[in-house]
PDB file of N, CA and C in Angstrom:
ATOM      1  N   MET A   1       5.270 -39.957   4.364  1.00  0.00           N
ATOM      2  CA  MET A   1       4.495 -38.807   4.360  1.00  0.00           C
ATOM      3  C   MET A   1       4.885 -37.724   3.314  1.00  0.00           C
ATOM      4  N   SER A   2       4.184 -37.439   2.299  1.00  0.00           N
ATOM      5  CA  SER A   2       4.603 -36.323   1.509  1.00  0.00           C
ATOM      6  C   SER A   2       3.846 -34.887   1.387  1.00  0.00           C
ATOM      7  N   ILE A   3       4.422 -33.980   1.430  1.00  0.00           N
ATOM      8  CA  ILE A   3       3.824 -32.763   1.506  1.00  0.00           C
ATOM      9  C   ILE A   3       3.726 -31.988   0.101  1.00  0.00           C
ATOM     10  N   ASP A   4       2.548 -31.546  -0.239  1.00  0.00           N
ATOM     11  CA  ASP A   4       2.017 -30.962  -1.386  1.00  0.00           C
ATOM     12  C   ASP A   4       2.561 -29.435  -1.241  1.00  0.00           C
ATOM     13  N   TRP A   5       3.799 -29.240  -2.003  1.00  0.00           N
ATOM     14  CA  TRP A   5       4.168 -27.840  -1.792  1.00  0.00           C
ATOM     15  C   TRP A   5       3.599 -26.762  -3.273  1.00  0.00           C
ATOM     16  N   GLY A   6       2.905 -27.424  -3.785  1.00  0.00           N
ATOM     17  CA  GLY A   6       2.456 -26.705  -5.048  1.00  0.00           C
ATOM     18  C   GLY A   6       1.713 -25.481  -4.446  1.00  0.00           C
ATOM     19  N   SER A   7       0.770 -25.736  -3.664  1.00  0.00           N
ATOM     20  CA  SER A   7      -0.097 -24.549  -3.310  1.00  0.00           C
ATOM     21  C   SER A   7       0.498 -23.527  -2.383  1.00  0.00           C
ATOM     22  N   VAL A   8       1.875 -24.120  -1.861  1.00  0.00           N
ATOM     23  CA  VAL A   8       2.532 -22.906  -1.086  1.00  0.00           C
ATOM     24  C   VAL A   8       3.370 -22.205  -2.034  1.00  0.00           C
ATOM     25  N   PHE A   9       3.827 -22.623  -2.811  1.00  0.00           N
ATOM     26  CA  PHE A   9       4.621 -22.016  -3.930  1.00  0.00           C
ATOM     27  C   PHE A   9       3.493 -21.091  -4.953  1.00  0.00           C
ATOM     28  N   VAL A  10       2.235 -21.303  -5.118  1.00  0.00           N
ATOM     29  CA  VAL A  10       1.383 -20.724  -5.934  1.00  0.00           C
ATOM     30  C   VAL A  10       0.993 -19.571  -4.967  1.00  0.00           C
ATOM     31  N   ALA A  11       0.539 -19.806  -3.574  1.00  0.00           N
ATOM     32  CA  ALA A  11       0.418 -18.650  -2.634  1.00  0.00           C
ATOM     33  C   ALA A  11       1.505 -17.753  -2.362  1.00  0.00           C
ATOM     34  N   VAL A  12       2.613 -18.134  -2.372  1.00  0.00           N
ATOM     35  CA  VAL A  12       3.947 -17.221  -2.379  1.00  0.00           C
ATOM     36  C   VAL A  12       3.896 -16.571  -3.504  1.00  0.00           C
ATOM     37  N   GLY A  13       4.258 -17.032  -4.625  1.00  0.00           N
ATOM     38  CA  GLY A  13       3.963 -16.291  -5.902  1.00  0.00           C
ATOM     39  C   GLY A  13       3.016 -15.326  -6.245  1.00  0.00           C
ATOM     40  N   LEU A  14       1.803 -15.424  -5.736  1.00  0.00           N
ATOM     41  CA  LEU A  14       0.665 -14.641  -5.953  1.00  0.00           C
ATOM     42  C   LEU A  14       0.762 -13.634  -4.910  1.00  0.00           C
ATOM     43  N   PHE A  15       1.110 -13.824  -3.700  1.00  0.00           N
ATOM     44  CA  PHE A  15       1.612 -12.547  -2.882  1.00  0.00           C
ATOM     45  C   PHE A  15       2.728 -11.892  -3.295  1.00  0.00           C
ATOM     46  N   ILE A  16       3.747 -12.417  -3.790  1.00  0.00           N
ATOM     47  CA  ILE A  16       4.757 -11.346  -4.536  1.00  0.00           C
ATOM     48  C   ILE A  16       4.140 -10.478  -5.840  1.00  0.00           C
ATOM     49  N   ILE A  17       3.343 -11.221  -6.652  1.00  0.00           N
ATOM     50  CA  ILE A  17       2.951 -10.332  -7.615  1.00  0.00           C
ATOM     51  C   ILE A  17       2.074  -9.261  -7.197  1.00  0.00           C
ATOM     52  N   LEU A  18       1.047  -9.965  -6.255  1.00  0.00           N
ATOM     53  CA  LEU A  18       0.041  -8.855  -6.053  1.00  0.00           C
ATOM     54  C   LEU A  18       0.381  -7.702  -4.952  1.00  0.00           C
ATOM     55  N   SER A  19       1.803  -7.644  -4.635  1.00  0.00           N
ATOM     56  CA  SER A  19       2.130  -6.584  -3.947  1.00  0.00           C
ATOM     57  C   SER A  19       1.931  -5.249  -4.441  1.00  0.00           C
ATOM     58  N   PRO A  20       1.331  -4.570  -3.479  1.00  0.00           N
ATOM     59  CA  PRO A  20       0.818  -3.337  -4.072  1.00  0.00           C
ATOM     60  C   PRO A  20       2.138  -2.133  -4.766  1.00  0.00           C
ATOM     61  N   GLY A  21       1.984  -1.722  -5.998  1.00  0.00           N
ATOM     62  CA  GLY A  21       2.833  -0.884  -6.564  1.00  0.00           C
ATOM     63  C   GLY A  21       4.101  -1.837  -7.136  1.00  0.00           C
ATOM     64  N   LEU A  22       3.954  -3.174  -7.332  1.00  0.00           N
ATOM     65  CA  LEU A  22       5.099  -3.947  -7.939  1.00  0.00           C
ATOM     66  C   LEU A  22       4.798  -3.991  -9.445  1.00  0.00           C
ATOM     67  N   LEU A  23       3.584  -4.640  -9.843  1.00  0.00           N
ATOM     68  CA  LEU A  23       3.030  -4.779 -11.138  1.00  0.00           C
ATOM     69  C   LEU A  23       2.228  -3.419 -11.165  1.00  0.00           C
ATOM     70  N   PHE A  24       1.190  -3.544 -10.555  1.00  0.00           N
ATOM     71  CA  PHE A  24       0.052  -2.672 -10.556  1.00  0.00           C
ATOM     72  C   PHE A  24      -0.467  -2.005  -8.877  1.00  0.00           C
ATOM     73  N   GLN A  25      -0.772  -1.009  -9.128  1.00  0.00           N
ATOM     74  CA  GLN A  25      -1.570  -0.335  -7.985  1.00  0.00           C
ATOM     75  C   GLN A  25      -3.061  -0.030  -8.342  1.00  0.00           C
ATOM     76  N   LEU A  26      -3.979  -0.501  -7.314  1.00  0.00           N
ATOM     77  CA  LEU A  26      -5.305  -0.069  -7.512  1.00  0.00           C
ATOM     78  C   LEU A  26      -6.000   0.354  -6.209  1.00  0.00           C
ATOM     79  N   PRO A  27      -6.463   1.306  -5.955  1.00  0.00           N
ATOM     80  CA  PRO A  27      -6.303   2.441  -6.848  1.00  0.00           C
ATOM     81  C   PRO A  27      -4.985   3.199  -6.410  1.00  0.00           C
ATOM     82  N   SER A  28      -4.552   4.051  -7.182  1.00  0.00           N
ATOM     83  CA  SER A  28      -3.543   4.702  -7.143  1.00  0.00           C
ATOM     84  C   SER A  28      -3.601   6.231  -6.486  1.00  0.00           C
ATOM     85  N   ARG A  29      -2.769   6.968  -6.427  1.00  0.00           N
ATOM     86  CA  ARG A  29      -3.066   8.307  -5.844  1.00  0.00           C
ATOM     87  C   ARG A  29      -3.623   9.318  -7.149  1.00  0.00           C
ATOM     88  N   THR A  30      -3.221   9.120  -8.204  1.00  0.00           N
ATOM     89  CA  THR A  30      -3.632   9.893  -9.219  1.00  0.00           C
ATOM     90  C   THR A  30      -4.604   9.307 -10.177  1.00  0.00           C
ATOM     91  N   ARG A  31      -4.430   8.392 -10.405  1.00  0.00           N
ATOM     92  CA  ARG A  31      -5.482   7.384 -11.450  1.00  0.00           C
ATOM     93  C   ARG A  31      -6.149   6.259 -10.802  1.00  0.00           C
ATOM     94  N   VAL A  32      -6.888   5.517 -11.238  1.00  0.00           N
ATOM     95  CA  VAL A  32      -7.791   4.310 -10.655  1.00  0.00           C
ATOM     96  C   VAL A  32      -6.687   3.242 -10.806  1.00  0.00           C
ATOM     97  N   ILE A  33      -6.008   2.910 -11.694  1.00  0.00           N
ATOM     98  CA  ILE A  33      -4.812   1.990 -11.642  1.00  0.00           C
ATOM     99  C   ILE A  33      -3.420   2.416 -12.088  1.00  0.00           C
ATOM    100  N   GLU A  34      -2.193   2.192 -11.566  1.00  0.00           N
ATOM    101  CA  GLU A  34      -1.242   2.605 -12.128  1.00  0.00           C
ATOM    102  C   GLU A  34      -0.307   1.335 -11.959  1.00  0.00           C
ATOM    103  N   LEU A  35       0.715   1.625 -13.223  1.00  0.00           N
ATOM    104  CA  LEU A  35       1.633   0.355 -13.343  1.00  0.00           C
ATOM    105  C   LEU A  35       3.019   0.805 -12.672  1.00  0.00           C
ATOM    106  N   GLY A  36       3.456  -0.192 -12.128  1.00  0.00           N
ATOM    107  CA  GLY A  36       4.834  -0.382 -11.578  1.00  0.00           C
ATOM    108  C   GLY A  36       5.358   1.135 -10.721  1.00  0.00           C
ATOM    109  N   ASN A  37       4.645   1.842 -10.157  1.00  0.00           N
ATOM    110  CA  ASN A  37       4.830   2.688  -9.373  1.00  0.00           C
ATOM    111  C   ASN A  37       5.898   2.958  -8.282  1.00  0.00           C
ATOM    112  N   MET A  38       5.595   1.582  -7.451  1.00  0.00           N
ATOM    113  CA  MET A  38       6.299   1.255  -6.236  1.00  0.00           C
ATOM    114  C   MET A  38       5.982   2.279  -5.031  1.00  0.00           C
ATOM    115  N   CYS A  39       4.967   2.848  -5.124  1.00  0.00           N
ATOM    116  CA  CYS A  39       4.247   3.431  -3.880  1.00  0.00           C
ATOM    117  C   CYS A  39       3.047   3.126  -3.590  1.00  0.00           C
ATOM    118  N   THR A  40       2.960   2.980  -2.261  1.00  0.00           N
ATOM    119  CA  THR A  40       1.819   2.644  -1.814  1.00  0.00           C
ATOM    120  C   THR A  40       0.650   3.209  -0.826  1.00  0.00           C
ATOM    121  N   SER A  41      -0.614   3.147  -0.556  1.00  0.00           N
ATOM    122  CA  SER A  41      -1.306   3.638   0.360  1.00  0.00           C
ATOM    123  C   SER A  41      -2.059   2.743   0.917  1.00  0.00           C
ATOM    124  N   GLY A  42      -2.808   3.185   2.270  1.00  0.00           N
ATOM    125  CA  GLY A  42      -3.515   2.269   3.074  1.00  0.00           C
ATOM    126  C   GLY A  42      -4.784   1.698   2.204  1.00  0.00           C
ATOM    127  N   ILE A  43      -5.550   2.536   1.491  1.00  0.00           N
ATOM    128  CA  ILE A  43      -6.350   1.957   0.564  1.00  0.00           C
ATOM    129  C   ILE A  43      -6.252   1.104  -0.424  1.00  0.00           C
ATOM    130  N   ALA A  44      -5.097   1.263  -0.972  1.00  0.00           N
ATOM    131  CA  ALA A  44      -4.190   0.287  -2.118  1.00  0.00           C
ATOM    132  C   ALA A  44      -3.787  -1.059  -1.299  1.00  0.00           C
ATOM    133  N   ILE A  45      -3.321  -0.980  -0.256  1.00  0.00           N
ATOM    134  CA  ILE A  45      -2.928  -2.432   0.437  1.00  0.00           C
ATOM    135  C   ILE A  45      -3.934  -2.945   0.900  1.00  0.00           C
ATOM    136  N   LEU A  46      -5.132  -2.330   1.219  1.00  0.00           N
ATOM    137  CA  LEU A  46      -6.518  -3.047   1.606  1.00  0.00           C
ATOM    138  C   LEU A  46      -7.126  -3.858   0.370  1.00  0.00           C
ATOM    139  N   MET A  47      -7.060  -3.031  -0.772  1.00  0.00           N
ATOM    140  CA  MET A  47      -7.700  -3.391  -2.112  1.00  0.00           C
ATOM    141  C   MET A  47      -6.890  -4.768  -2.467  1.00  0.00           C
ATOM    142  N   HIS A  48      -5.327  -4.830  -2.407  1.00  0.00           N
ATOM    143  CA  HIS A  48      -4.810  -5.782  -2.963  1.00  0.00           C
ATOM    144  C   HIS A  48      -4.778  -7.092  -1.982  1.00  0.00           C
ATOM    145  N   VAL A  49      -5.299  -6.633  -0.544  1.00  0.00           N
ATOM    146  CA  VAL A  49      -5.545  -8.124   0.352  1.00  0.00           C
ATOM    147  C   VAL A  49      -6.972  -8.612   0.052  1.00  0.00           C
ATOM    148  N   ILE A  50      -7.838  -7.809  -0.328  1.00  0.00           N
ATOM    149  CA  ILE A  50      -9.273  -8.304  -0.865  1.00  0.00           C
ATOM    150  C   ILE A  50      -8.984  -9.021  -2.202  1.00  0.00           C
ATOM    151  N   ILE A  51      -8.290  -8.837  -3.017  1.00  0.00           N
ATOM    152  CA  ILE A  51      -8.124  -9.334  -4.097  1.00  0.00           C
ATOM    153  C   ILE A  51      -7.304 -10.640  -3.935  1.00  0.00           C
ATOM    154  N   TYR A  52      -6.218 -10.682  -3.371  1.00  0.00           N
ATOM    155  CA  TYR A  52      -5.424 -11.814  -2.869  1.00  0.00           C
ATOM    156  C   TYR A  52      -6.138 -12.900  -2.102  1.00  0.00           C
ATOM    157  N   PHE A  53      -7.080 -12.460  -0.985  1.00  0.00           N
ATOM    158  CA  PHE A  53      -7.966 -13.283  -0.224  1.00  0.00           C
ATOM    159  C   PHE A  53      -8.762 -13.910  -1.182  1.00  0.00           C
ATOM    160  N   CYS A  54      -9.585 -13.227  -2.188  1.00  0.00           N
ATOM    161  CA  CYS A  54     -10.495 -13.802  -3.270  1.00  0.00           C
ATOM    162  C   CYS A  54      -9.826 -14.719  -4.153  1.00  0.00           C
ATOM    163  N   ILE A  55      -8.575 -14.620  -4.636  1.00  0.00           N
ATOM    164  CA  ILE A  55      -8.056 -15.560  -5.552  1.00  0.00           C
ATOM    165  C   ILE A  55      -7.489 -16.721  -4.779  1.00  0.00           C
ATOM    166  N   ILE A  56      -7.096 -16.558  -3.322  1.00  0.00           N
ATOM    167  CA  ILE A  56      -6.568 -17.942  -2.650  1.00  0.00           C
ATOM    168  C   ILE A  56      -7.973 -18.528  -2.229  1.00  0.00           C
ATOM    169  N   THR A  57      -8.945 -17.970  -1.861  1.00  0.00           N
ATOM    170  CA  THR A  57     -10.229 -18.863  -1.332  1.00  0.00           C
ATOM    171  C   THR A  57     -10.918 -19.684  -2.382  1.00  0.00           C
TER     172      THR A  57
END
């Protein structure tokens, strides 16, 4: 039996890329979208979880 690792790698890659503050943060504290600020808030984490869930499903 062989396991398909492609979907696992895609999910992990998207999780890393969509981490709030790494590439972008939506919404940020001062603007609607901010790039590479490495600061997060509860709302930003919730928005990134929703985006990640929509992409994965």
